[in-house]
């Protein structure tokens, strides 16, 4: 198994967090868009 350097691991974690934040933002926008017409 190849050992990942600290900087590489940090970069991967940062990317994962950014992706998760982007997904959460999109889901929130979709939820608001769906909820508004119903109310």
PDB file of N, CA and C in Angstrom:
ATOM      1  N   UNK A   1       0.840  -1.203   0.000  1.00  0.00           N
ATOM      2  CA  UNK A   1       0.000   0.000   0.000  1.00  0.00           C
ATOM      3  C   UNK A   1       0.871   1.247   0.000  1.00  0.00           C
ATOM      4  N   UNK A   2       0.518   2.224  -0.793  1.00  0.00           N
ATOM      5  CA  UNK A   2       1.295   3.467  -0.890  1.00  0.00           C
ATOM      6  C   UNK A   2       0.904   4.397   0.248  1.00  0.00           C
ATOM      7  N   UNK A   3       1.919   4.923   0.930  1.00  0.00           N
ATOM      8  CA  UNK A   3       1.661   5.846   2.038  1.00  0.00           C
ATOM      9  C   UNK A   3       1.446   7.254   1.493  1.00  0.00           C
ATOM     10  N   UNK A   4       0.355   7.886   1.879  1.00  0.00           N
ATOM     11  CA  UNK A   4       0.046   9.241   1.421  1.00  0.00           C
ATOM     12  C   UNK A   4       0.696  10.251   2.346  1.00  0.00           C
ATOM     13  N   UNK A   5       1.354  11.239   1.770  1.00  0.00           N
ATOM     14  CA  UNK A   5       2.014  12.265   2.579  1.00  0.00           C
ATOM     15  C   UNK A   5       0.979  13.129   3.290  1.00  0.00           C
ATOM     16  N   UNK A   6       1.402  13.821   4.350  1.00  0.00           N
ATOM     17  CA  UNK A   6       0.492  14.646   5.149  1.00  0.00           C
ATOM     18  C   UNK A   6      -0.242  15.668   4.302  1.00  0.00           C
ATOM     19  N   UNK A   7       0.481  16.364   3.438  1.00  0.00           N
ATOM     20  CA  UNK A   7      -0.140  17.410   2.623  1.00  0.00           C
ATOM     21  C   UNK A   7      -1.188  16.811   1.687  1.00  0.00           C
ATOM     22  N   UNK A   8      -0.884  15.661   1.127  1.00  0.00           N
ATOM     23  CA  UNK A   8      -1.823  15.001   0.226  1.00  0.00           C
ATOM     24  C   UNK A   8      -3.091  14.589   0.948  1.00  0.00           C
ATOM     25  N   UNK A   9      -2.928  14.073   2.170  1.00  0.00           N
ATOM     26  CA  UNK A   9      -4.080  13.651   2.965  1.00  0.00           C
ATOM     27  C   UNK A   9      -4.932  14.865   3.335  1.00  0.00           C
ATOM     28  N   UNK A  10      -4.278  15.944   3.745  1.00  0.00           N
ATOM     29  CA  UNK A  10      -4.999  17.166   4.108  1.00  0.00           C
ATOM     30  C   UNK A  10      -5.773  17.692   2.905  1.00  0.00           C
ATOM     31  N   UNK A  11      -5.148  17.622   1.740  1.00  0.00           N
ATOM     32  CA  UNK A  11      -5.787  18.106   0.516  1.00  0.00           C
ATOM     33  C   UNK A  11      -7.044  17.289   0.234  1.00  0.00           C
ATOM     34  N   UNK A  12      -6.939  15.972   0.432  1.00  0.00           N
ATOM     35  CA  UNK A  12      -8.071  15.078   0.177  1.00  0.00           C
ATOM     36  C   UNK A  12      -9.210  15.381   1.146  1.00  0.00           C
ATOM     37  N   UNK A  13      -8.868  15.606   2.416  1.00  0.00           N
ATOM     38  CA  UNK A  13      -9.884  15.918   3.428  1.00  0.00           C
ATOM     39  C   UNK A  13     -10.559  17.243   3.082  1.00  0.00           C
ATOM     40  N   UNK A  14      -9.743  18.218   2.659  1.00  0.00           N
ATOM     41  CA  UNK A  14     -10.278  19.534   2.300  1.00  0.00           C
ATOM     42  C   UNK A  14     -11.255  19.393   1.137  1.00  0.00           C
ATOM     43  N   UNK A  15     -10.892  18.577   0.151  1.00  0.00           N
ATOM     44  CA  UNK A  15     -11.737  18.367  -1.024  1.00  0.00           C
ATOM     45  C   UNK A  15     -13.045  17.697  -0.621  1.00  0.00           C
ATOM     46  N   UNK A  16     -12.952  16.716   0.282  1.00  0.00           N
ATOM     47  CA  UNK A  16     -14.149  16.004   0.743  1.00  0.00           C
ATOM     48  C   UNK A  16     -15.088  16.956   1.471  1.00  0.00           C
ATOM     49  N   UNK A  17     -14.510  17.816   2.323  1.00  0.00           N
ATOM     50  CA  UNK A  17     -15.320  18.779   3.079  1.00  0.00           C
ATOM     51  C   UNK A  17     -15.990  19.768   2.129  1.00  0.00           C
ATOM     52  N   UNK A  18     -15.240  20.223   1.104  1.00  0.00           N
ATOM     53  CA  UNK A  18     -15.781  21.174   0.135  1.00  0.00           C
ATOM     54  C   UNK A  18     -16.928  20.533  -0.648  1.00  0.00           C
ATOM     55  N   UNK A  19     -16.723  19.263  -1.027  1.00  0.00           N
ATOM     56  CA  UNK A  19     -17.748  18.549  -1.788  1.00  0.00           C
ATOM     57  C   UNK A  19     -19.001  18.352  -0.946  1.00  0.00           C
ATOM     58  N   UNK A  20     -18.797  18.017   0.347  1.00  0.00           N
ATOM     59  CA  UNK A  20     -19.929  17.794   1.248  1.00  0.00           C
ATOM     60  C   UNK A  20     -20.701  19.086   1.456  1.00  0.00           C
ATOM     61  N   UNK A  21     -19.965  20.204   1.595  1.00  0.00           N
ATOM     62  CA  UNK A  21     -20.603  21.506   1.803  1.00  0.00           C
ATOM     63  C   UNK A  21     -21.414  21.892   0.570  1.00  0.00           C
ATOM     64  N   UNK A  22     -20.848  21.624  -0.609  1.00  0.00           N
ATOM     65  CA  UNK A  22     -21.517  21.956  -1.863  1.00  0.00           C
ATOM     66  C   UNK A  22     -22.797  21.130  -2.012  1.00  0.00           C
ATOM     67  N   UNK A  23     -22.721  19.849  -1.654  1.00  0.00           N
ATOM     68  CA  UNK A  23     -23.883  18.959  -1.738  1.00  0.00           C
ATOM     69  C   UNK A  23     -24.971  19.407  -0.776  1.00  0.00           C
ATOM     70  N   UNK A  24     -24.567  19.764   0.451  1.00  0.00           N
ATOM     71  CA  UNK A  24     -25.535  20.211   1.458  1.00  0.00           C
ATOM     72  C   UNK A  24     -26.229  21.483   0.993  1.00  0.00           C
ATOM     73  N   UNK A  25     -25.459  22.380   0.371  1.00  0.00           N
ATOM     74  CA  UNK A  25     -26.020  23.645  -0.110  1.00  0.00           C
ATOM     75  C   UNK A  25     -27.035  23.377  -1.223  1.00  0.00           C
ATOM     76  N   UNK A  26     -26.710  22.452  -2.115  1.00  0.00           N
ATOM     77  CA  UNK A  26     -27.610  22.117  -3.220  1.00  0.00           C
ATOM     78  C   UNK A  26     -28.890  21.477  -2.693  1.00  0.00           C
ATOM     79  N   UNK A  27     -28.753  20.576  -1.713  1.00  0.00           N
ATOM     80  CA  UNK A  27     -29.925  19.920  -1.133  1.00  0.00           C
ATOM     81  C   UNK A  27     -30.822  20.933  -0.440  1.00  0.00           C
ATOM     82  N   UNK A  28     -30.202  21.891   0.262  1.00  0.00           N
ATOM     83  CA  UNK A  28     -30.971  22.915   0.970  1.00  0.00           C
ATOM     84  C   UNK A  28     -31.743  23.763  -0.041  1.00  0.00           C
ATOM     85  N   UNK A  29     -31.096  24.091  -1.163  1.00  0.00           N
ATOM     86  CA  UNK A  29     -31.731  24.909  -2.195  1.00  0.00           C
ATOM     87  C   UNK A  29     -32.896  24.144  -2.814  1.00  0.00           C
ATOM     88  N   UNK A  30     -32.689  22.845  -3.062  1.00  0.00           N
ATOM     89  CA  UNK A  30     -33.748  22.015  -3.637  1.00  0.00           C
ATOM     90  C   UNK A  30     -34.926  21.906  -2.681  1.00  0.00           C
ATOM     91  N   UNK A  31     -34.623  21.757  -1.394  1.00  0.00           N
ATOM     92  CA  UNK A  31     -35.670  21.629  -0.373  1.00  0.00           C
ATOM     93  C   UNK A  31     -36.487  22.916  -0.295  1.00  0.00           C
ATOM     94  N   UNK A  32     -35.809  24.059  -0.307  1.00  0.00           N
ATOM     95  CA  UNK A  32     -36.499  25.348  -0.242  1.00  0.00           C
ATOM     96  C   UNK A  32     -37.361  25.543  -1.488  1.00  0.00           C
ATOM     97  N   UNK A  33     -36.822  25.176  -2.635  1.00  0.00           N
ATOM     98  CA  UNK A  33     -37.556  25.322  -3.888  1.00  0.00           C
ATOM     99  C   UNK A  33     -38.807  24.465  -3.903  1.00  0.00           C
ATOM    100  N   UNK A  34     -38.727  23.274  -3.280  1.00  0.00           N
ATOM    101  CA  UNK A  34     -39.866  22.366  -3.232  1.00  0.00           C
ATOM    102  C   UNK A  34     -40.884  22.821  -2.187  1.00  0.00           C
ATOM    103  N   UNK A  35     -40.387  23.396  -1.089  1.00  0.00           N
ATOM    104  CA  UNK A  35     -41.264  23.754   0.030  1.00  0.00           C
ATOM    105  C   UNK A  35     -42.046  25.047  -0.249  1.00  0.00           C
ATOM    106  N   UNK A  36     -41.420  25.997  -0.924  1.00  0.00           N
ATOM    107  CA  UNK A  36     -42.054  27.296  -1.138  1.00  0.00           C
ATOM    108  C   UNK A  36     -43.412  27.209  -1.838  1.00  0.00           C
ATOM    109  N   UNK A  37     -43.542  26.495  -2.966  1.00  0.00           N
ATOM    110  CA  UNK A  37     -44.839  26.436  -3.650  1.00  0.00           C
ATOM    111  C   UNK A  37     -45.932  25.790  -2.795  1.00  0.00           C
ATOM    112  N   UNK A  38     -45.560  24.877  -1.898  1.00  0.00           N
ATOM    113  CA  UNK A  38     -46.545  24.177  -1.070  1.00  0.00           C
ATOM    114  C   UNK A  38     -47.124  25.089  -0.002  1.00  0.00           C
ATOM    115  N   UNK A  39     -46.292  25.980   0.539  1.00  0.00           N
ATOM    116  CA  UNK A  39     -46.756  26.833   1.642  1.00  0.00           C
ATOM    117  C   UNK A  39     -47.679  27.942   1.154  1.00  0.00           C
TER     118      UNK A  39
END
